[in-house]
Amino acid sequence: MLGYSQVHFVRETIRDGGFRHALRLYRDKSTNAMRLVASALDGDMKHCPIWTAFITHFITSPTWFRWSRDSSTVYLADLRRHEFSSQYSAHMCANGEHFLDFERDRDAKDFVKTIEHFGEEYRRMASVP
């Protein structure tokens, strides 16, 4: 069983399909696997997970995400979400990119810095013989 007890990016709010979700980044202590989890912030499903996506194999790619400074939106080239609600459907751009629309520009910036940090760490780990 994976022990996702270590949270690195806690409770930043994203807007998704007209709903507010808490976004968390988890890192498994034993395998170093990383995943994103979005949970409902309001309504009947408050605190229930809406989707999760394992991102370990993406974060080392310099082309996996893009973000413009002073923007609240981060675009992801690929995101394989496992959805827990039949009422949810992932919102994507016409070119197939996924996006995370943060409530504040600062939250998007913090997310990008966190992903860059882990991407660098994982590249270092992979280069050690």
C-alpha atoms as a PDB file:
ATOM      1  CA  MET A   1       0.000   0.000   0.000  1.00  0.00           C
ATOM      2  CA  LEU A   2       1.294   3.433  -0.887  1.00  0.00           C
ATOM      3  CA  GLY A   3       1.814   5.716   2.090  1.00  0.00           C
ATOM      4  CA  TYR A   4       0.824   9.135   0.767  1.00  0.00           C
ATOM      5  CA  SER A   5       1.226  10.884   4.054  1.00  0.00           C
ATOM      6  CA  GLN A   6       3.675  13.533   2.904  1.00  0.00           C
ATOM      7  CA  VAL A   7       1.977  16.571   1.352  1.00  0.00           C
ATOM      8  CA  HIS A   8       4.184  19.101  -0.417  1.00  0.00           C
ATOM      9  CA  PHE A   9       1.738  21.495  -1.992  1.00  0.00           C
ATOM     10  CA  VAL A  10      -1.215  21.935   0.273  1.00  0.00           C
ATOM     11  CA  ARG A  11      -4.635  23.300  -0.493  1.00  0.00           C
ATOM     12  CA  GLU A  12      -4.211  25.748  -3.282  1.00  0.00           C
ATOM     13  CA  THR A  13      -7.559  26.496  -4.853  1.00  0.00           C
ATOM     14  CA  ILE A  14      -8.252  25.863  -8.518  1.00  0.00           C
ATOM     15  CA  ARG A  15     -11.361  26.657 -10.531  1.00  0.00           C
ATOM     16  CA  ASP A  16     -12.565  23.749 -12.607  1.00  0.00           C
ATOM     17  CA  GLY A  17     -15.795  23.694 -14.589  1.00  0.00           C
ATOM     18  CA  GLY A  18     -17.376  26.398 -12.452  1.00  0.00           C
ATOM     19  CA  PHE A  19     -16.444  24.649  -9.201  1.00  0.00           C
ATOM     20  CA  ARG A  20     -13.725  25.371  -6.643  1.00  0.00           C
ATOM     21  CA  HIS A  21     -11.359  22.505  -5.828  1.00  0.00           C
ATOM     22  CA  ALA A  22      -8.510  22.143  -3.366  1.00  0.00           C
ATOM     23  CA  LEU A  23      -5.386  20.920  -5.162  1.00  0.00           C
ATOM     24  CA  ARG A  24      -2.818  18.867  -3.282  1.00  0.00           C
ATOM     25  CA  LEU A  25       0.451  17.300  -4.356  1.00  0.00           C
ATOM     26  CA  TYR A  26       1.360  14.058  -2.594  1.00  0.00           C
ATOM     27  CA  ARG A  27       4.674  12.232  -2.626  1.00  0.00           C
ATOM     28  CA  ASP A  28       4.841   8.612  -1.508  1.00  0.00           C
ATOM     29  CA  LYS A  29       7.594   8.099   1.055  1.00  0.00           C
ATOM     30  CA  SER A  30       8.641   4.636  -0.072  1.00  0.00           C
ATOM     31  CA  THR A  31       8.405   4.893  -3.878  1.00  0.00           C
ATOM     32  CA  ASN A  32       8.741   8.649  -4.479  1.00  0.00           C
ATOM     33  CA  ALA A  33       5.640   8.444  -6.683  1.00  0.00           C
ATOM     34  CA  MET A  34       3.875  11.774  -7.006  1.00  0.00           C
ATOM     35  CA  ARG A  35       0.229  12.512  -7.631  1.00  0.00           C
ATOM     36  CA  LEU A  36      -2.130  15.434  -7.741  1.00  0.00           C
ATOM     37  CA  VAL A  37      -5.504  15.253  -6.003  1.00  0.00           C
ATOM     38  CA  ALA A  38      -8.371  17.702  -6.513  1.00  0.00           C
ATOM     39  CA  SER A  39     -11.118  17.710  -3.873  1.00  0.00           C
ATOM     40  CA  ALA A  40     -14.360  19.651  -3.739  1.00  0.00           C
ATOM     41  CA  LEU A  41     -14.318  22.775  -1.561  1.00  0.00           C
ATOM     42  CA  ASP A  42     -18.040  23.450  -1.525  1.00  0.00           C
ATOM     43  CA  GLY A  43     -21.414  21.740  -1.713  1.00  0.00           C
ATOM     44  CA  ASP A  44     -22.569  18.216  -0.981  1.00  0.00           C
ATOM     45  CA  MET A  45     -19.230  16.723  -1.986  1.00  0.00           C
ATOM     46  CA  LYS A  46     -17.117  19.049   0.166  1.00  0.00           C
ATOM     47  CA  HIS A  47     -13.713  17.448   0.893  1.00  0.00           C
ATOM     48  CA  CYS A  48     -14.420  14.490  -1.427  1.00  0.00           C
ATOM     49  CA  PRO A  49     -11.757  13.707  -4.031  1.00  0.00           C
ATOM     50  CA  ILE A  50     -12.931  14.565  -7.556  1.00  0.00           C
ATOM     51  CA  TRP A  51      -9.878  13.323  -9.458  1.00  0.00           C
ATOM     52  CA  THR A  52      -6.294  12.197  -8.991  1.00  0.00           C
ATOM     53  CA  ALA A  53      -3.420  11.942 -11.461  1.00  0.00           C
ATOM     54  CA  PHE A  54      -0.007  10.339 -11.092  1.00  0.00           C
ATOM     55  CA  ILE A  55       2.597  12.776 -12.417  1.00  0.00           C
ATOM     56  CA  THR A  56       5.935  11.179 -11.488  1.00  0.00           C
ATOM     57  CA  HIS A  57       6.842  10.299 -15.085  1.00  0.00           C
ATOM     58  CA  PHE A  58       5.919  13.783 -16.357  1.00  0.00           C
ATOM     59  CA  ILE A  59       7.703  16.130 -13.969  1.00  0.00           C
ATOM     60  CA  THR A  60      11.188  15.548 -15.374  1.00  0.00           C
ATOM     61  CA  SER A  61      10.106  16.757 -18.813  1.00  0.00           C
ATOM     62  CA  PRO A  62      10.839  20.441 -19.469  1.00  0.00           C
ATOM     63  CA  THR A  63       7.940  20.521 -21.942  1.00  0.00           C
ATOM     64  CA  TRP A  64       5.293  18.967 -19.676  1.00  0.00           C
ATOM     65  CA  PHE A  65       3.939  22.320 -18.447  1.00  0.00           C
ATOM     66  CA  ARG A  66       3.909  25.914 -19.515  1.00  0.00           C
ATOM     67  CA  TRP A  67       3.045  29.013 -17.582  1.00  0.00           C
ATOM     68  CA  SER A  68       3.232  32.716 -18.377  1.00  0.00           C
ATOM     69  CA  ARG A  69       4.375  34.983 -15.584  1.00  0.00           C
ATOM     70  CA  ASP A  70       1.555  36.791 -13.814  1.00  0.00           C
ATOM     71  CA  SER A  71      -0.978  34.232 -15.029  1.00  0.00           C
ATOM     72  CA  SER A  72      -3.243  32.109 -12.869  1.00  0.00           C
ATOM     73  CA  THR A  73      -3.336  29.257 -15.405  1.00  0.00           C
ATOM     74  CA  VAL A  74      -0.803  26.446 -15.794  1.00  0.00           C
ATOM     75  CA  TYR A  75      -1.062  24.306 -18.943  1.00  0.00           C
ATOM     76  CA  LEU A  76      -0.080  20.631 -18.830  1.00  0.00           C
ATOM     77  CA  ALA A  77       0.789  18.675 -21.977  1.00  0.00           C
ATOM     78  CA  ASP A  78      -0.589  15.472 -20.473  1.00  0.00           C
ATOM     79  CA  LEU A  79      -2.552  14.596 -17.360  1.00  0.00           C
ATOM     80  CA  ARG A  80      -4.145  11.184 -16.943  1.00  0.00           C
ATOM     81  CA  ARG A  81      -6.854  11.892 -14.424  1.00  0.00           C
ATOM     82  CA  HIS A  82      -8.655   9.140 -12.590  1.00  0.00           C
ATOM     83  CA  GLU A  83     -12.079  10.632 -11.936  1.00  0.00           C
ATOM     84  CA  PHE A  84     -14.174   9.728  -8.898  1.00  0.00           C
ATOM     85  CA  SER A  85     -17.351  11.579  -9.840  1.00  0.00           C
ATOM     86  CA  SER A  86     -19.642  10.797 -12.751  1.00  0.00           C
ATOM     87  CA  GLN A  87     -20.625  14.487 -12.737  1.00  0.00           C
ATOM     88  CA  TYR A  88     -17.060  15.617 -13.485  1.00  0.00           C
ATOM     89  CA  SER A  89     -15.497  15.923 -16.906  1.00  0.00           C
ATOM     90  CA  ALA A  90     -11.990  17.242 -17.407  1.00  0.00           C
ATOM     91  CA  HIS A  91     -11.697  20.590 -19.137  1.00  0.00           C
ATOM     92  CA  MET A  92      -9.070  20.769 -21.837  1.00  0.00           C
ATOM     93  CA  CYS A  93      -7.850  23.213 -24.436  1.00  0.00           C
ATOM     94  CA  ALA A  94      -8.599  22.644 -28.117  1.00  0.00           C
ATOM     95  CA  ASN A  95      -4.983  21.492 -28.630  1.00  0.00           C
ATOM     96  CA  GLY A  96      -5.404  18.718 -26.014  1.00  0.00           C
ATOM     97  CA  GLU A  97      -3.591  20.457 -23.187  1.00  0.00           C
ATOM     98  CA  HIS A  98      -5.012  20.216 -19.705  1.00  0.00           C
ATOM     99  CA  PHE A  99      -5.056  23.308 -17.532  1.00  0.00           C
ATOM    100  CA  LEU A 100      -5.111  24.170 -13.873  1.00  0.00           C
ATOM    101  CA  ASP A 101      -6.813  27.501 -13.318  1.00  0.00           C
ATOM    102  CA  PHE A 102      -5.688  28.780  -9.907  1.00  0.00           C
ATOM    103  CA  GLU A 103      -7.647  31.414  -8.016  1.00  0.00           C
ATOM    104  CA  ARG A 104      -4.534  33.556  -7.579  1.00  0.00           C
ATOM    105  CA  ASP A 105      -1.514  34.175  -9.805  1.00  0.00           C
ATOM    106  CA  ARG A 106       0.707  33.592  -6.764  1.00  0.00           C
ATOM    107  CA  ASP A 107      -0.687  30.065  -6.322  1.00  0.00           C
ATOM    108  CA  ALA A 108       0.111  29.221  -9.948  1.00  0.00           C
ATOM    109  CA  LYS A 109       3.646  30.551  -9.445  1.00  0.00           C
ATOM    110  CA  ASP A 110       4.090  28.463  -6.278  1.00  0.00           C
ATOM    111  CA  PHE A 111       2.809  25.368  -8.083  1.00  0.00           C
ATOM    112  CA  VAL A 112       5.270  25.901 -10.939  1.00  0.00           C
ATOM    113  CA  LYS A 113       8.176  26.420  -8.519  1.00  0.00           C
ATOM    114  CA  THR A 114       7.239  23.220  -6.673  1.00  0.00           C
ATOM    115  CA  ILE A 115       7.005  21.163  -9.882  1.00  0.00           C
ATOM    116  CA  GLU A 116      10.327  22.599 -11.131  1.00  0.00           C
ATOM    117  CA  HIS A 117      11.961  21.716  -7.805  1.00  0.00           C
ATOM    118  CA  PHE A 118      10.764  18.116  -7.918  1.00  0.00           C
ATOM    119  CA  GLY A 119      11.616  17.818 -11.612  1.00  0.00           C
ATOM    120  CA  GLU A 120      15.206  18.843 -10.850  1.00  0.00           C
ATOM    121  CA  GLU A 121      15.355  16.474  -7.876  1.00  0.00           C
ATOM    122  CA  TYR A 122      14.065  13.523  -9.920  1.00  0.00           C
ATOM    123  CA  ARG A 123      16.531  14.265 -12.764  1.00  0.00           C
ATOM    124  CA  ARG A 124      19.387  14.254 -10.219  1.00  0.00           C
ATOM    125  CA  MET A 125      18.167  10.968  -8.753  1.00  0.00           C
ATOM    126  CA  ALA A 126      17.998   9.430 -12.254  1.00  0.00           C
ATOM    127  CA  SER A 127      21.552  10.524 -13.114  1.00  0.00           C
ATOM    128  CA  VAL A 128      23.122   8.832 -10.061  1.00  0.00           C
ATOM    129  CA  PRO A 129      24.585   5.459 -11.126  1.00  0.00           C
END
